[in-house]
Structures are given as C-alpha cells and as structure tokens.
Amino acid sequence: MGRILIIDDEPILRHSTRLLLEPFGHEVLEGKDGRSGLRLAHDERPDAIVLDLMMPMMNGHEVLQILADDPDTAEIPVVILTAVTSPEVHRACLDEGAVKVVTKPYDPEEFAADLDGVIAARATA
C-alpha cells in the first residue's frame, strides 16, 4: 500500500490511527508536532500525510502552508483529520492545499479507503 505520515500532537490519536491503517497494509510514520512532522515529510517523502489542525506551537494550517511552499513536499497529498466541523475551516484547508478534510469521529473503513484513493491518485498523476 503506502507510507503515511500522521502529524498529531496527541499520542493516543497517532496510535489509534496507526492501529487503523497498518492492517490495511500501510507503513505509518508519526510526527508528534508540526516541526517533527515537517522534518519527517521532508526526509521520508511519504505517499500521504494525515494532519491534525489543532496543535500547539505550529497549527495544521501553518504546517500545510510550509508543505505547500516546499518543492520537496508540495506534491505530497495531505488529508486533514480534525474535530473542527466548520464548513469555512474545511474550505480554507482545501484552499490551502489539502486534498480532503475528514471530521472526527469518522468511519475507520471509509477513512482507510479514502487514503487508499488519495495514494492511488498520486501514483497515477
């Protein structure tokens, strides 16, 4: 399948997302905050990134902007996984370069299928 980088400051959310994705054949990398996630994205070049919006020091919007501005990471598809339900925030994320916004709680099988689709689309682009 693919290599997926999870960037989230909550260890339990990173762990639960890992447990969800690994049985579907994905290799999962974990960034515990925006800075470590950006470093991993640059060094490891994952097939997709799952990014939380609400993080301290550097929020998901800032991470998304840095990823989009860096030629080495600009083509990595980013899926926002957030508890924020505001349509305006979702639209802003898409305008900033995210390919999809998923609201927590989410259907695990549907989320895994969405990521498979994101990775497949990137492979054929």
C-alpha atoms as a PDB file:
ATOM      1  CA  MET A   1       0.000   0.000   0.000  1.00  0.00           C
ATOM      2  CA  GLY A   2       1.622   3.255   1.047  1.00  0.00           C
ATOM      3  CA  ARG A   3       3.677   5.157   3.568  1.00  0.00           C
ATOM      4  CA  ILE A   4       1.530   7.518   5.582  1.00  0.00           C
ATOM      5  CA  LEU A   5       2.793  10.211   7.916  1.00  0.00           C
ATOM      6  CA  ILE A   6       0.494  11.129  10.798  1.00  0.00           C
ATOM      7  CA  ILE A   7       1.133  14.574  12.279  1.00  0.00           C
ATOM      8  CA  ASP A   8      -0.785  14.980  15.525  1.00  0.00           C
ATOM      9  CA  ASP A   9       0.228  16.179  18.995  1.00  0.00           C
ATOM     10  CA  GLU A  10      -1.996  13.608  20.752  1.00  0.00           C
ATOM     11  CA  PRO A  11      -0.146  10.279  21.236  1.00  0.00           C
ATOM     12  CA  ILE A  12      -3.377   8.310  21.604  1.00  0.00           C
ATOM     13  CA  LEU A  13      -4.698   9.656  18.295  1.00  0.00           C
ATOM     14  CA  ARG A  14      -1.456   8.852  16.496  1.00  0.00           C
ATOM     15  CA  HIS A  15      -1.522   5.361  17.980  1.00  0.00           C
ATOM     16  CA  SER A  16      -5.177   4.705  17.136  1.00  0.00           C
ATOM     17  CA  THR A  17      -4.676   5.938  13.565  1.00  0.00           C
ATOM     18  CA  ARG A  18      -1.636   3.670  13.254  1.00  0.00           C
ATOM     19  CA  LEU A  19      -3.672   0.708  14.512  1.00  0.00           C
ATOM     20  CA  LEU A  20      -6.350   1.520  11.953  1.00  0.00           C
ATOM     21  CA  LEU A  21      -4.028   1.856   8.956  1.00  0.00           C
ATOM     22  CA  GLU A  22      -1.443  -0.878   9.466  1.00  0.00           C
ATOM     23  CA  PRO A  23      -3.896  -3.781   8.958  1.00  0.00           C
ATOM     24  CA  PHE A  24      -4.695  -2.255   5.544  1.00  0.00           C
ATOM     25  CA  GLY A  25      -1.016  -2.659   4.622  1.00  0.00           C
ATOM     26  CA  HIS A  26       0.166   0.892   5.203  1.00  0.00           C
ATOM     27  CA  GLU A  27       3.505   1.771   6.751  1.00  0.00           C
ATOM     28  CA  VAL A  28       2.882   4.518   9.297  1.00  0.00           C
ATOM     29  CA  LEU A  29       5.279   7.256  10.377  1.00  0.00           C
ATOM     30  CA  GLU A  30       4.453   9.560  13.291  1.00  0.00           C
ATOM     31  CA  GLY A  31       5.202  13.227  13.820  1.00  0.00           C
ATOM     32  CA  LYS A  32       4.405  14.394  17.348  1.00  0.00           C
ATOM     33  CA  ASP A  33       4.083  18.054  16.362  1.00  0.00           C
ATOM     34  CA  GLY A  34       4.343  20.351  13.372  1.00  0.00           C
ATOM     35  CA  ARG A  35       8.121  20.636  13.394  1.00  0.00           C
ATOM     36  CA  SER A  36       8.841  16.915  13.680  1.00  0.00           C
ATOM     37  CA  GLY A  37       6.155  16.223  11.083  1.00  0.00           C
ATOM     38  CA  LEU A  38       7.708  18.667   8.624  1.00  0.00           C
ATOM     39  CA  ARG A  39      11.125  17.094   9.159  1.00  0.00           C
ATOM     40  CA  LEU A  40       9.724  13.606   8.524  1.00  0.00           C
ATOM     41  CA  ALA A  41       7.800  14.773   5.463  1.00  0.00           C
ATOM     42  CA  HIS A  42      10.957  16.275   4.001  1.00  0.00           C
ATOM     43  CA  ASP A  43      13.254  13.361   4.890  1.00  0.00           C
ATOM     44  CA  GLU A  44      10.916  10.411   4.269  1.00  0.00           C
ATOM     45  CA  ARG A  45       8.671  11.689   1.445  1.00  0.00           C
ATOM     46  CA  PRO A  46       5.574   9.711   2.455  1.00  0.00           C
ATOM     47  CA  ASP A  47       2.824   8.851  -0.025  1.00  0.00           C
ATOM     48  CA  ALA A  48       0.295  10.820   2.031  1.00  0.00           C
ATOM     49  CA  ILE A  49       0.075  12.900   5.201  1.00  0.00           C
ATOM     50  CA  VAL A  50      -2.716  12.847   7.781  1.00  0.00           C
ATOM     51  CA  LEU A  51      -2.603  16.203   9.549  1.00  0.00           C
ATOM     52  CA  ASP A  52      -4.381  17.484  12.645  1.00  0.00           C
ATOM     53  CA  LEU A  53      -5.334  21.165  12.703  1.00  0.00           C
ATOM     54  CA  MET A  54      -5.307  21.916  16.412  1.00  0.00           C
ATOM     55  CA  MET A  55      -1.722  21.620  17.638  1.00  0.00           C
ATOM     56  CA  PRO A  56       0.343  23.850  19.906  1.00  0.00           C
ATOM     57  CA  MET A  57       3.264  25.972  18.672  1.00  0.00           C
ATOM     58  CA  MET A  58       2.568  25.276  14.993  1.00  0.00           C
ATOM     59  CA  ASN A  59      -1.004  24.514  13.949  1.00  0.00           C
ATOM     60  CA  GLY A  60      -2.091  22.441  10.988  1.00  0.00           C
ATOM     61  CA  HIS A  61      -2.726  25.488   8.782  1.00  0.00           C
ATOM     62  CA  GLU A  62       0.891  26.573   9.258  1.00  0.00           C
ATOM     63  CA  VAL A  63       2.190  23.061   8.551  1.00  0.00           C
ATOM     64  CA  LEU A  64       0.034  22.821   5.441  1.00  0.00           C
ATOM     65  CA  GLN A  65       1.383  26.148   4.157  1.00  0.00           C
ATOM     66  CA  ILE A  66       5.012  25.134   4.707  1.00  0.00           C
ATOM     67  CA  LEU A  67       4.421  21.787   2.983  1.00  0.00           C
ATOM     68  CA  ALA A  68       2.807  23.546   0.008  1.00  0.00           C
ATOM     69  CA  ASP A  69       5.635  26.097  -0.282  1.00  0.00           C
ATOM     70  CA  ASP A  70       8.430  23.491  -0.241  1.00  0.00           C
ATOM     71  CA  PRO A  71       9.090  21.940  -3.676  1.00  0.00           C
ATOM     72  CA  ASP A  72      10.205  18.722  -1.947  1.00  0.00           C
ATOM     73  CA  THR A  73       6.850  18.243  -0.188  1.00  0.00           C
ATOM     74  CA  ALA A  74       4.365  20.223  -2.278  1.00  0.00           C
ATOM     75  CA  GLU A  75       3.174  17.155  -4.196  1.00  0.00           C
ATOM     76  CA  ILE A  76       2.508  15.004  -1.116  1.00  0.00           C
ATOM     77  CA  PRO A  77      -1.279  14.814  -0.645  1.00  0.00           C
ATOM     78  CA  VAL A  78      -2.485  15.996   2.753  1.00  0.00           C
ATOM     79  CA  VAL A  79      -5.665  14.777   4.416  1.00  0.00           C
ATOM     80  CA  ILE A  80      -6.836  16.890   7.331  1.00  0.00           C
ATOM     81  CA  LEU A  81      -8.246  14.874  10.241  1.00  0.00           C
ATOM     82  CA  THR A  82      -9.971  17.228  12.662  1.00  0.00           C
ATOM     83  CA  ALA A  83     -12.716  17.681  15.202  1.00  0.00           C
ATOM     84  CA  VAL A  84     -13.458  21.102  13.698  1.00  0.00           C
ATOM     85  CA  THR A  85     -16.795  20.962  11.877  1.00  0.00           C
ATOM     86  CA  SER A  86     -16.925  24.485  10.459  1.00  0.00           C
ATOM     87  CA  PRO A  87     -17.503  24.495   6.679  1.00  0.00           C
ATOM     88  CA  GLU A  88     -15.435  27.676   6.455  1.00  0.00           C
ATOM     89  CA  VAL A  89     -12.453  25.989   8.101  1.00  0.00           C
ATOM     90  CA  HIS A  90     -12.829  22.947   5.851  1.00  0.00           C
ATOM     91  CA  ARG A  91     -12.950  25.175   2.781  1.00  0.00           C
ATOM     92  CA  ALA A  92      -9.859  27.070   3.981  1.00  0.00           C
ATOM     93  CA  CYS A  93      -7.970  23.784   4.369  1.00  0.00           C
ATOM     94  CA  LEU A  94      -8.842  22.782   0.809  1.00  0.00           C
ATOM     95  CA  ASP A  95      -7.853  26.239  -0.451  1.00  0.00           C
ATOM     96  CA  GLU A  96      -4.542  25.872   1.395  1.00  0.00           C
ATOM     97  CA  GLY A  97      -3.774  22.624  -0.434  1.00  0.00           C
ATOM     98  CA  ALA A  98      -5.357  19.748   1.478  1.00  0.00           C
ATOM     99  CA  VAL A  99      -6.939  17.130  -0.778  1.00  0.00           C
ATOM    100  CA  LYS A 100      -9.595  16.108   1.751  1.00  0.00           C
ATOM    101  CA  VAL A 101     -10.934  17.037   5.176  1.00  0.00           C
ATOM    102  CA  VAL A 102     -12.244  14.285   7.446  1.00  0.00           C
ATOM    103  CA  THR A 103     -14.140  15.170  10.605  1.00  0.00           C
ATOM    104  CA  LYS A 104     -13.738  13.174  13.802  1.00  0.00           C
ATOM    105  CA  PRO A 105     -15.356  10.869  14.647  1.00  0.00           C
ATOM    106  CA  TYR A 106     -15.057   9.050  11.347  1.00  0.00           C
ATOM    107  CA  ASP A 107     -15.803   5.641   9.902  1.00  0.00           C
ATOM    108  CA  PRO A 108     -12.474   3.738  10.045  1.00  0.00           C
ATOM    109  CA  GLU A 109     -13.009   1.661   6.903  1.00  0.00           C
ATOM    110  CA  GLU A 110     -14.149   4.686   4.925  1.00  0.00           C
ATOM    111  CA  PHE A 111     -11.146   6.681   6.152  1.00  0.00           C
ATOM    112  CA  ALA A 112      -8.736   3.903   5.137  1.00  0.00           C
ATOM    113  CA  ALA A 113     -10.434   3.671   1.734  1.00  0.00           C
ATOM    114  CA  ASP A 114     -10.150   7.450   1.312  1.00  0.00           C
ATOM    115  CA  LEU A 115      -6.415   7.247   1.979  1.00  0.00           C
ATOM    116  CA  ASP A 116      -6.058   4.382  -0.498  1.00  0.00           C
ATOM    117  CA  GLY A 117      -7.781   6.583  -3.082  1.00  0.00           C
ATOM    118  CA  VAL A 118      -5.512   9.537  -2.304  1.00  0.00           C
ATOM    119  CA  ILE A 119      -2.409   7.371  -2.673  1.00  0.00           C
ATOM    120  CA  ALA A 120      -3.689   5.771  -5.899  1.00  0.00           C
ATOM    121  CA  ALA A 121      -4.490   9.160  -7.397  1.00  0.00           C
ATOM    122  CA  ARG A 122      -0.990  10.385  -6.620  1.00  0.00           C
ATOM    123  CA  ALA A 123       0.559   7.271  -8.190  1.00  0.00           C
ATOM    124  CA  THR A 124      -1.306   7.845 -11.456  1.00  0.00           C
ATOM    125  CA  ALA A 125      -0.686  11.596 -11.598  1.00  0.00           C
END
